[in-house]
N, C-alpha and C. Protein backbone atom coordinates (compact mmCIF):
# COMPACT_ATOMS: atom_id res chain seq x y z
N UNK A 1 0.85 -1.19 0.00
CA UNK A 1 0.00 0.00 0.00
C UNK A 1 0.89 1.24 0.00
N UNK A 2 0.45 2.23 -0.74
CA UNK A 2 1.20 3.48 -0.85
C UNK A 2 0.31 4.64 -0.42
N UNK A 3 0.87 5.54 0.34
CA UNK A 3 0.15 6.73 0.77
C UNK A 3 0.78 7.95 0.12
N UNK A 4 -0.07 8.84 -0.34
CA UNK A 4 0.37 10.12 -0.89
C UNK A 4 -0.18 11.22 0.01
N UNK A 5 0.69 12.01 0.57
CA UNK A 5 0.28 13.08 1.47
C UNK A 5 0.62 14.43 0.85
N UNK A 6 -0.42 15.20 0.59
CA UNK A 6 -0.25 16.50 -0.05
C UNK A 6 -0.25 17.62 0.97
N UNK A 7 0.39 18.71 0.62
CA UNK A 7 0.37 19.90 1.46
C UNK A 7 0.65 21.12 0.59
N UNK A 8 0.34 22.31 1.13
CA UNK A 8 0.69 23.54 0.45
C UNK A 8 -0.46 24.30 -0.17
N UNK A 9 -1.66 23.74 -0.15
CA UNK A 9 -2.79 24.47 -0.71
C UNK A 9 -3.20 25.64 0.18
N UNK A 10 -4.13 26.44 -0.31
CA UNK A 10 -4.61 27.56 0.49
C UNK A 10 -5.25 28.63 -0.37
N UNK A 11 -5.44 29.78 0.25
CA UNK A 11 -6.04 30.93 -0.40
C UNK A 11 -4.95 31.90 -0.81
N UNK A 12 -4.99 32.36 -2.05
CA UNK A 12 -3.99 33.29 -2.55
C UNK A 12 -4.67 34.29 -3.47
N UNK A 13 -4.14 35.49 -3.53
CA UNK A 13 -4.69 36.50 -4.42
C UNK A 13 -4.24 36.28 -5.85
N UNK A 14 -5.01 36.74 -6.81
CA UNK A 14 -4.58 36.64 -8.21
C UNK A 14 -3.19 37.24 -8.40
N UNK A 15 -2.36 36.53 -9.16
CA UNK A 15 -0.98 36.94 -9.36
C UNK A 15 -0.02 36.37 -8.35
N UNK A 16 -0.54 35.75 -7.32
CA UNK A 16 0.30 35.18 -6.27
C UNK A 16 0.85 33.82 -6.62
N UNK A 17 1.55 33.23 -5.67
CA UNK A 17 2.21 31.94 -5.88
C UNK A 17 1.89 30.98 -4.74
N UNK A 18 1.92 29.72 -5.07
CA UNK A 18 1.80 28.64 -4.09
C UNK A 18 2.71 27.51 -4.52
N UNK A 19 3.16 26.74 -3.54
CA UNK A 19 3.96 25.55 -3.83
C UNK A 19 3.29 24.35 -3.17
N UNK A 20 2.89 23.39 -3.99
CA UNK A 20 2.29 22.17 -3.49
C UNK A 20 3.37 21.09 -3.36
N UNK A 21 3.22 20.26 -2.33
CA UNK A 21 4.12 19.14 -2.13
C UNK A 21 3.32 17.86 -1.98
N UNK A 22 3.89 16.75 -2.41
CA UNK A 22 3.25 15.45 -2.25
C UNK A 22 4.34 14.42 -1.98
N UNK A 23 4.26 13.80 -0.83
CA UNK A 23 5.24 12.79 -0.44
C UNK A 23 4.63 11.41 -0.50
N UNK A 24 5.31 10.49 -1.15
CA UNK A 24 4.86 9.11 -1.26
C UNK A 24 5.57 8.26 -0.22
N UNK A 25 4.80 7.41 0.45
CA UNK A 25 5.39 6.49 1.43
C UNK A 25 4.72 5.14 1.30
N UNK A 26 5.43 4.10 1.74
CA UNK A 26 4.89 2.75 1.66
C UNK A 26 5.92 1.81 1.06
N UNK A 27 5.43 0.71 0.53
CA UNK A 27 6.31 -0.33 0.00
C UNK A 27 6.24 -0.34 -1.51
N UNK A 28 7.35 -0.02 -2.15
CA UNK A 28 7.43 -0.07 -3.60
C UNK A 28 8.89 -0.09 -4.01
N UNK A 29 9.14 -0.57 -5.24
CA UNK A 29 10.51 -0.66 -5.73
C UNK A 29 11.00 0.68 -6.28
N UNK A 30 10.12 1.34 -7.01
CA UNK A 30 10.47 2.62 -7.61
C UNK A 30 9.20 3.35 -7.99
N UNK A 31 9.36 4.62 -8.33
CA UNK A 31 8.25 5.43 -8.80
C UNK A 31 8.47 5.75 -10.27
N UNK A 32 7.52 5.32 -11.10
CA UNK A 32 7.65 5.56 -12.53
C UNK A 32 7.30 6.99 -12.89
N UNK A 33 6.25 7.49 -12.27
CA UNK A 33 5.78 8.83 -12.62
C UNK A 33 5.03 9.43 -11.45
N UNK A 34 5.05 10.74 -11.40
CA UNK A 34 4.22 11.48 -10.45
C UNK A 34 3.60 12.64 -11.19
N UNK A 35 2.45 13.07 -10.74
CA UNK A 35 1.74 14.11 -11.48
C UNK A 35 0.81 14.86 -10.54
N UNK A 36 0.35 15.99 -11.03
CA UNK A 36 -0.69 16.77 -10.37
C UNK A 36 -1.87 16.90 -11.34
N UNK A 37 -3.04 16.60 -10.83
CA UNK A 37 -4.29 16.83 -11.54
C UNK A 37 -5.10 17.81 -10.71
N UNK A 38 -6.13 18.37 -11.32
CA UNK A 38 -7.02 19.25 -10.56
C UNK A 38 -8.46 19.08 -11.04
N UNK A 39 -9.36 19.40 -10.13
CA UNK A 39 -10.78 19.32 -10.44
C UNK A 39 -11.49 20.53 -9.86
N UNK A 40 -12.04 21.33 -10.75
CA UNK A 40 -12.82 22.49 -10.34
C UNK A 40 -14.28 22.09 -10.20
N UNK A 41 -15.06 22.82 -9.44
CA UNK A 41 -16.48 22.48 -9.27
C UNK A 41 -17.19 22.38 -10.61
N UNK A 42 -17.89 21.27 -10.81
CA UNK A 42 -18.67 21.09 -12.02
C UNK A 42 -17.86 20.68 -13.23
N UNK A 43 -16.57 20.45 -13.03
CA UNK A 43 -15.72 20.07 -14.16
C UNK A 43 -15.05 18.74 -13.91
N UNK A 44 -14.56 18.14 -14.98
CA UNK A 44 -13.85 16.88 -14.86
C UNK A 44 -12.42 17.11 -14.36
N UNK A 45 -11.88 16.09 -13.74
CA UNK A 45 -10.49 16.16 -13.30
C UNK A 45 -9.59 16.22 -14.53
N UNK A 46 -8.58 17.07 -14.47
CA UNK A 46 -7.69 17.26 -15.61
C UNK A 46 -6.23 17.24 -15.17
N UNK A 47 -5.38 16.81 -16.08
CA UNK A 47 -3.95 16.80 -15.82
C UNK A 47 -3.43 18.23 -15.80
N UNK A 48 -2.60 18.54 -14.82
CA UNK A 48 -1.92 19.82 -14.75
C UNK A 48 -0.47 19.67 -15.21
N UNK A 49 0.23 18.71 -14.62
CA UNK A 49 1.63 18.48 -14.97
C UNK A 49 2.03 17.08 -14.54
N UNK A 50 3.00 16.52 -15.26
CA UNK A 50 3.44 15.16 -15.00
C UNK A 50 4.94 15.10 -15.16
N UNK A 51 5.59 14.31 -14.31
CA UNK A 51 7.02 14.11 -14.42
C UNK A 51 7.32 12.63 -14.26
N UNK A 52 8.13 12.09 -15.19
CA UNK A 52 8.46 10.68 -15.14
C UNK A 52 9.85 10.50 -14.54
N UNK A 53 10.24 9.24 -14.37
CA UNK A 53 11.48 8.95 -13.66
C UNK A 53 12.69 9.57 -14.31
N UNK A 54 12.65 9.78 -15.62
CA UNK A 54 13.76 10.38 -16.31
C UNK A 54 13.74 11.89 -16.31
N UNK A 55 12.88 12.47 -15.51
CA UNK A 55 12.75 13.93 -15.37
C UNK A 55 12.07 14.58 -16.55
N UNK A 56 11.52 13.79 -17.46
CA UNK A 56 10.75 14.37 -18.54
C UNK A 56 9.43 14.89 -18.01
N UNK A 57 9.01 16.05 -18.48
CA UNK A 57 7.81 16.69 -17.96
C UNK A 57 6.79 16.96 -19.06
N UNK A 58 5.54 16.97 -18.64
CA UNK A 58 4.43 17.34 -19.53
C UNK A 58 3.57 18.33 -18.78
N UNK A 59 3.12 19.36 -19.47
CA UNK A 59 2.26 20.37 -18.86
C UNK A 59 0.99 20.56 -19.68
N UNK A 60 -0.10 20.83 -18.98
CA UNK A 60 -1.31 21.29 -19.65
C UNK A 60 -1.03 22.67 -20.22
N UNK A 61 -1.71 23.01 -21.29
CA UNK A 61 -1.51 24.33 -21.90
C UNK A 61 -1.74 25.44 -20.89
N UNK A 62 -2.71 25.25 -20.01
CA UNK A 62 -3.05 26.27 -19.02
C UNK A 62 -1.95 26.48 -17.99
N UNK A 63 -1.05 25.49 -17.87
CA UNK A 63 0.01 25.55 -16.87
C UNK A 63 1.35 26.00 -17.44
N UNK A 64 1.51 25.89 -18.73
CA UNK A 64 2.80 26.20 -19.35
C UNK A 64 3.21 27.64 -19.10
N UNK A 65 4.46 27.81 -18.67
CA UNK A 65 4.98 29.14 -18.42
C UNK A 65 4.68 29.69 -17.04
N UNK A 66 3.76 29.04 -16.32
CA UNK A 66 3.40 29.53 -14.98
C UNK A 66 3.70 28.50 -13.89
N UNK A 67 3.54 27.23 -14.21
CA UNK A 67 3.72 26.17 -13.22
C UNK A 67 4.99 25.38 -13.55
N UNK A 68 5.63 24.89 -12.50
CA UNK A 68 6.81 24.04 -12.67
C UNK A 68 6.68 22.82 -11.77
N UNK A 69 6.77 21.63 -12.37
CA UNK A 69 6.75 20.39 -11.60
C UNK A 69 8.17 19.90 -11.43
N UNK A 70 8.48 19.42 -10.24
CA UNK A 70 9.81 18.87 -9.98
C UNK A 70 9.67 17.74 -8.97
N UNK A 71 10.73 16.95 -8.84
CA UNK A 71 10.66 15.85 -7.88
C UNK A 71 12.01 15.68 -7.19
N UNK A 72 11.93 15.22 -5.97
CA UNK A 72 13.11 14.85 -5.19
C UNK A 72 13.04 13.35 -5.03
N UNK A 73 13.83 12.63 -5.81
CA UNK A 73 13.76 11.17 -5.79
C UNK A 73 14.17 10.59 -4.44
N UNK A 74 15.08 11.25 -3.77
CA UNK A 74 15.54 10.75 -2.48
C UNK A 74 14.43 10.81 -1.43
N UNK A 75 13.52 11.77 -1.60
CA UNK A 75 12.43 11.94 -0.64
C UNK A 75 11.10 11.41 -1.17
N UNK A 76 11.11 10.86 -2.39
CA UNK A 76 9.88 10.38 -3.02
C UNK A 76 8.80 11.46 -2.99
N UNK A 77 9.21 12.65 -3.31
CA UNK A 77 8.32 13.81 -3.22
C UNK A 77 8.27 14.55 -4.54
N UNK A 78 7.07 15.00 -4.89
CA UNK A 78 6.88 15.81 -6.07
C UNK A 78 6.36 17.17 -5.64
N UNK A 79 6.77 18.20 -6.36
CA UNK A 79 6.38 19.57 -6.05
C UNK A 79 5.71 20.20 -7.26
N UNK A 80 4.84 21.14 -7.00
CA UNK A 80 4.26 21.94 -8.06
C UNK A 80 4.35 23.40 -7.64
N UNK A 81 5.26 24.13 -8.28
CA UNK A 81 5.39 25.55 -8.03
C UNK A 81 4.44 26.27 -8.97
N UNK A 82 3.52 27.02 -8.39
CA UNK A 82 2.50 27.71 -9.19
C UNK A 82 2.68 29.21 -9.03
N UNK A 83 2.96 29.88 -10.13
CA UNK A 83 3.14 31.32 -10.13
C UNK A 83 2.07 31.99 -10.98
N UNK A 84 1.93 33.29 -10.82
CA UNK A 84 0.95 34.06 -11.60
C UNK A 84 -0.42 33.39 -11.58
N UNK A 85 -0.86 33.03 -10.41
CA UNK A 85 -2.12 32.31 -10.28
C UNK A 85 -3.31 33.16 -10.69
N UNK A 86 -4.28 32.49 -11.28
CA UNK A 86 -5.50 33.13 -11.78
C UNK A 86 -6.72 32.53 -11.07
N UNK A 87 -7.82 33.26 -11.02
CA UNK A 87 -9.03 32.69 -10.40
C UNK A 87 -9.43 31.35 -11.02
N UNK A 88 -9.18 31.18 -12.30
CA UNK A 88 -9.55 29.92 -12.95
C UNK A 88 -8.66 28.75 -12.55
N UNK A 89 -7.61 29.01 -11.79
CA UNK A 89 -6.79 27.93 -11.24
C UNK A 89 -7.41 27.35 -9.96
N UNK A 90 -8.48 27.96 -9.49
CA UNK A 90 -9.15 27.47 -8.29
C UNK A 90 -9.69 26.06 -8.51
N UNK A 91 -9.28 25.15 -7.67
CA UNK A 91 -9.67 23.74 -7.81
C UNK A 91 -9.11 22.95 -6.64
N UNK A 92 -9.53 21.70 -6.57
CA UNK A 92 -8.85 20.75 -5.68
C UNK A 92 -7.74 20.11 -6.50
N UNK A 93 -6.54 20.15 -5.97
CA UNK A 93 -5.38 19.60 -6.66
C UNK A 93 -5.04 18.23 -6.06
N UNK A 94 -4.94 17.25 -6.93
CA UNK A 94 -4.69 15.87 -6.51
C UNK A 94 -3.31 15.42 -6.99
N UNK A 95 -2.60 14.80 -6.09
CA UNK A 95 -1.33 14.17 -6.43
C UNK A 95 -1.60 12.77 -6.97
N UNK A 96 -0.84 12.37 -7.96
CA UNK A 96 -0.96 11.05 -8.57
C UNK A 96 0.42 10.43 -8.65
N UNK A 97 0.48 9.12 -8.40
CA UNK A 97 1.75 8.43 -8.51
C UNK A 97 1.57 7.05 -9.11
N UNK A 98 2.49 6.67 -9.96
CA UNK A 98 2.52 5.31 -10.52
C UNK A 98 3.78 4.65 -9.98
N UNK A 99 3.61 3.61 -9.16
CA UNK A 99 4.74 2.98 -8.52
C UNK A 99 4.91 1.56 -9.02
N UNK A 100 6.12 1.04 -8.87
CA UNK A 100 6.44 -0.31 -9.28
C UNK A 100 6.63 -1.17 -8.04
N UNK A 101 5.92 -2.31 -8.05
CA UNK A 101 6.08 -3.30 -7.00
C UNK A 101 6.32 -4.63 -7.70
N UNK A 102 7.54 -5.14 -7.60
CA UNK A 102 7.87 -6.36 -8.32
C UNK A 102 7.78 -6.14 -9.81
N UNK A 103 6.94 -6.94 -10.47
CA UNK A 103 6.78 -6.85 -11.93
C UNK A 103 5.60 -5.97 -12.34
N UNK A 104 4.88 -5.47 -11.37
CA UNK A 104 3.65 -4.75 -11.65
C UNK A 104 3.76 -3.28 -11.27
N UNK A 105 2.90 -2.49 -11.87
CA UNK A 105 2.81 -1.08 -11.50
C UNK A 105 1.40 -0.78 -11.01
N UNK A 106 1.33 0.17 -10.09
CA UNK A 106 0.06 0.53 -9.47
C UNK A 106 -0.09 2.05 -9.46
N UNK A 107 -1.34 2.49 -9.49
CA UNK A 107 -1.63 3.92 -9.50
C UNK A 107 -2.31 4.31 -8.19
N UNK A 108 -1.88 5.45 -7.66
CA UNK A 108 -2.43 5.94 -6.40
C UNK A 108 -2.74 7.43 -6.52
N UNK A 109 -3.73 7.85 -5.74
CA UNK A 109 -4.13 9.25 -5.68
C UNK A 109 -4.04 9.75 -4.25
N UNK A 110 -3.69 11.02 -4.10
CA UNK A 110 -3.76 11.67 -2.80
C UNK A 110 -5.18 12.10 -2.51
N UNK A 111 -5.36 12.67 -1.31
CA UNK A 111 -6.69 13.04 -0.87
C UNK A 111 -7.13 14.39 -1.43
N UNK A 112 -6.19 15.13 -1.98
CA UNK A 112 -6.51 16.43 -2.58
C UNK A 112 -6.24 17.58 -1.64
N UNK A 113 -5.85 18.70 -2.21
CA UNK A 113 -5.64 19.91 -1.43
C UNK A 113 -6.28 21.08 -2.17
N UNK A 114 -7.02 21.89 -1.44
CA UNK A 114 -7.76 22.98 -2.05
C UNK A 114 -6.86 24.17 -2.35
N UNK A 115 -6.97 24.66 -3.58
CA UNK A 115 -6.31 25.90 -3.97
C UNK A 115 -7.40 26.89 -4.39
N UNK A 116 -7.43 28.03 -3.75
CA UNK A 116 -8.41 29.06 -4.06
C UNK A 116 -7.69 30.35 -4.41
N UNK A 117 -7.98 30.86 -5.60
CA UNK A 117 -7.37 32.10 -6.05
C UNK A 117 -8.47 33.16 -6.11
N UNK A 118 -8.39 34.11 -5.21
CA UNK A 118 -9.46 35.10 -5.10
C UNK A 118 -8.94 36.35 -4.40
N UNK A 119 -9.49 37.49 -4.78
CA UNK A 119 -9.13 38.73 -4.10
C UNK A 119 -10.13 39.02 -2.97
């Protein structure tokens, strides 16, 4: 079993910044990928950014140029630095991880952290 614990959400004014963190713990051989998704009220969950074991990254168009995903492999932690935040970034942000256990891979989600961008 793997646990993902998120932190760093909160209320911020438009144009402000937040840094989200997600630490993975439990029993696994390695982490193939980690990502951040978000879900706004009345909308489907969407990918924000993803980083794989080789440090390759993918960003949603809405995140490009404003958000940066990074990971600390030694701490099994992924970060999302969010700058120039807009009201439309308001959502619950979920951490996602794909881990390897033996010959198999498994997907896990965090509990979510609320990000609210408002003046």
